[in-house]
Amino acid sequence: MEPVNILMVDDHPAKLLAYEAMLEGLGENLIRAASAREALTHLLRGDIAVVLMDVDMPEIDGFELAAMMREHPRCQRTAIIFVSAVHMSEMDQLRGYRSGAVDYVSVPVIPEVLRAKIAVFVDLYRKTAELNRLNEELDARVRMRTNELEVSLARLKESEAMFRRQSEMLAETDRRRTEFLAMLAHELRNPLAPIRNAVEVLRRNGDLPVGLNWVRDMVDRQVSHLVRLVDDLVDASRISRGKLVLSRKTVELTGLIATAIDSVRSPLRDDPHELVVALPSAPLCVEADPVRLTQVVLNLVNNAIKFTPAGGKITVSAERVGGRAEIRVRDTGRGIAPSDLAHVFEMFYQGEAGAGDRSGLGLGLTLVKTLVEMHGGTVTAQSAGVERGAEFVVVLPVVATAAAEAPAAAMGSPAGPARRVLIVDDNHDAVDSLAELLRMVGHNVQTAYDGQSVVDAASHFEPDVVVLDIGMPRVDGYAAARAIRAQPWGADILLIAMTGWAQTEDKRRAAEAGFDTHLVKPVSLEALLEAFACGAREEQVTRNEGSVVPFTKAAARRSQTRA
């Protein structure tokens, strides 16, 4: 893999040497610049993946340099990270983000945090470049084949055979695109898993200095944001191929909305807004997939948070109007220009805002519209204009109130006795961070780093639970699971697949290999503990044709004896 360029900009040579020492282990090409002018020279010479720059510099400061970079086409994909010991107020950070920065690092710099940030943006830069290259190749192929088809149709009467060949080629192209998106999601989820585990370890460890809590929370927010981007990308691919299927049931809407709102209260605390929730006291039921409908509400609320400055007001309400349920999400934020209103639900559309104001992939509202229409409803956008706020209205048909399903309660602490847990993954960071996290909540944990050693490790350790990665070299997770199930002691073990592969086919293969549960990285501690306690979750594939698979009696007795 070719190293990418990382540009370090600071007018203090000692700081540049320190940054170089911190980042040397990444294996990338490190470039030093002692001034903004020298940095501009490097930026014009070649592609730069990440720029790590000081805010306070003579002549041209970091804010000015970032704004100049964002105006140049070569720097559109370059991630800008500011380093500052002084300009760390909310207004300073807002100015930095508006000028084009994607992140902040405070002084003194923590080497591990800096390396983790740089590594995430370098990995995203590589994957984005690869995706752009493949899309350009795909566009070139489609254009070439279309031209060939037009010429052939004009000259020959063999249209039927030619259309068949073209259809086969497009199907193959779509298959490759799907495989690439699945691979991209897998490769992005893998590094996110140990980062999320590390954040949770820091949260549960009281030794972290109070002044660094914001760093932990910031990393947590950014990981969650990346996870949402990956999920949106995968969902958009499923929708475009007609592969997204709803699992409908009667759902009580007000409880579902309240649960969704609870999950966004943390980002609202970090970037304070006035949140007003107005829900009816009477039950309001719809026929819906609760997971997908929750996704609709979350996307709309997160959209309002993103485009509403701190101190703004966000209102979420629901009411019954005749035979319909109306959900409204209103904000006092940036608003929508009249020319953009007709396009806000289009895939990848982000309006006429400047590049510095854009974030995300432009998929969130597209997913909202598609999911709402799959439920037989409609969604509309309203705005009085720029800087005058916006309102999104979802309309769904209501059903009788009987037998409505209440939203699942969030899990707070581990249920049941302590477990003996074996974790297996070739990603050492993922294994070690998850093991530390599980030990902190009282479980007995051992680790292994390849599929070949699983059976020996399990036979000696006698675990209640085995958490297996799928994509391991030599012996993958499927083979390791089958080997465990083939042992006399292997029938009663709870097998959990924890992987970055999230396609329906991946879940089916996991069930066939003997896994009880399929979890997609990065997995929260609550979700993993729930899998320990229940043996399966509502959306997870099981070995028993979709039914919930709890701990077997033998495994339960063994765990109670050891507890």
Foldseek 3Di string as FASTA:
>chain_A
DAAAEEEEEALDVVVLVVLCVLQVVVPHHYHYHNALVSVVVVLVVDAHQEYEYEQDDPPAGPLRSLLVLCVDPSNLNHAYEYEYQPQPDPVSVVSNLLSPHDYYAYPPGDSVLVNLVVVLSSLVSVLVVVVVVLVVVVVVVVVVLVVVLVVCVVPHPPNVVSVVVVVVVVVVSLVVVLVSLLVSLQVNQVSLQLLLLVLVLVVLDPPDPPVCVVVSVVSNVVSVVVNVLSVLSNVVSCVVVVNDDWDKDKAFPVLLLVVLVVVCVVVCVVQPEAEAEAEDPDTWIATGRSVLVSLLSNLLQVVQVLFAHRHWYWYWYWDDDPQKIKIKIKIQGFWDAPVCQVPLLPFQDDPDDRSSSDDGRSRSSVSNQVRLVVQVKGKGKDTPHTSGIIMIMIMHGTDDPPPHDRDDDFDDAFDDFAWEEEEEALPVSSFVSVQSSSVSRPHRYDYYRALVCLQVVCVVSVTQEYEAEAPGPPQGPLNSLLVLCPDPSSVQHAYEYEGSRDDPVVQVSCLVSAHAWYHHGNDDPRVVSVCLQFVYDQPTRGVPGRDTDGGDPVSSVVRVVVD
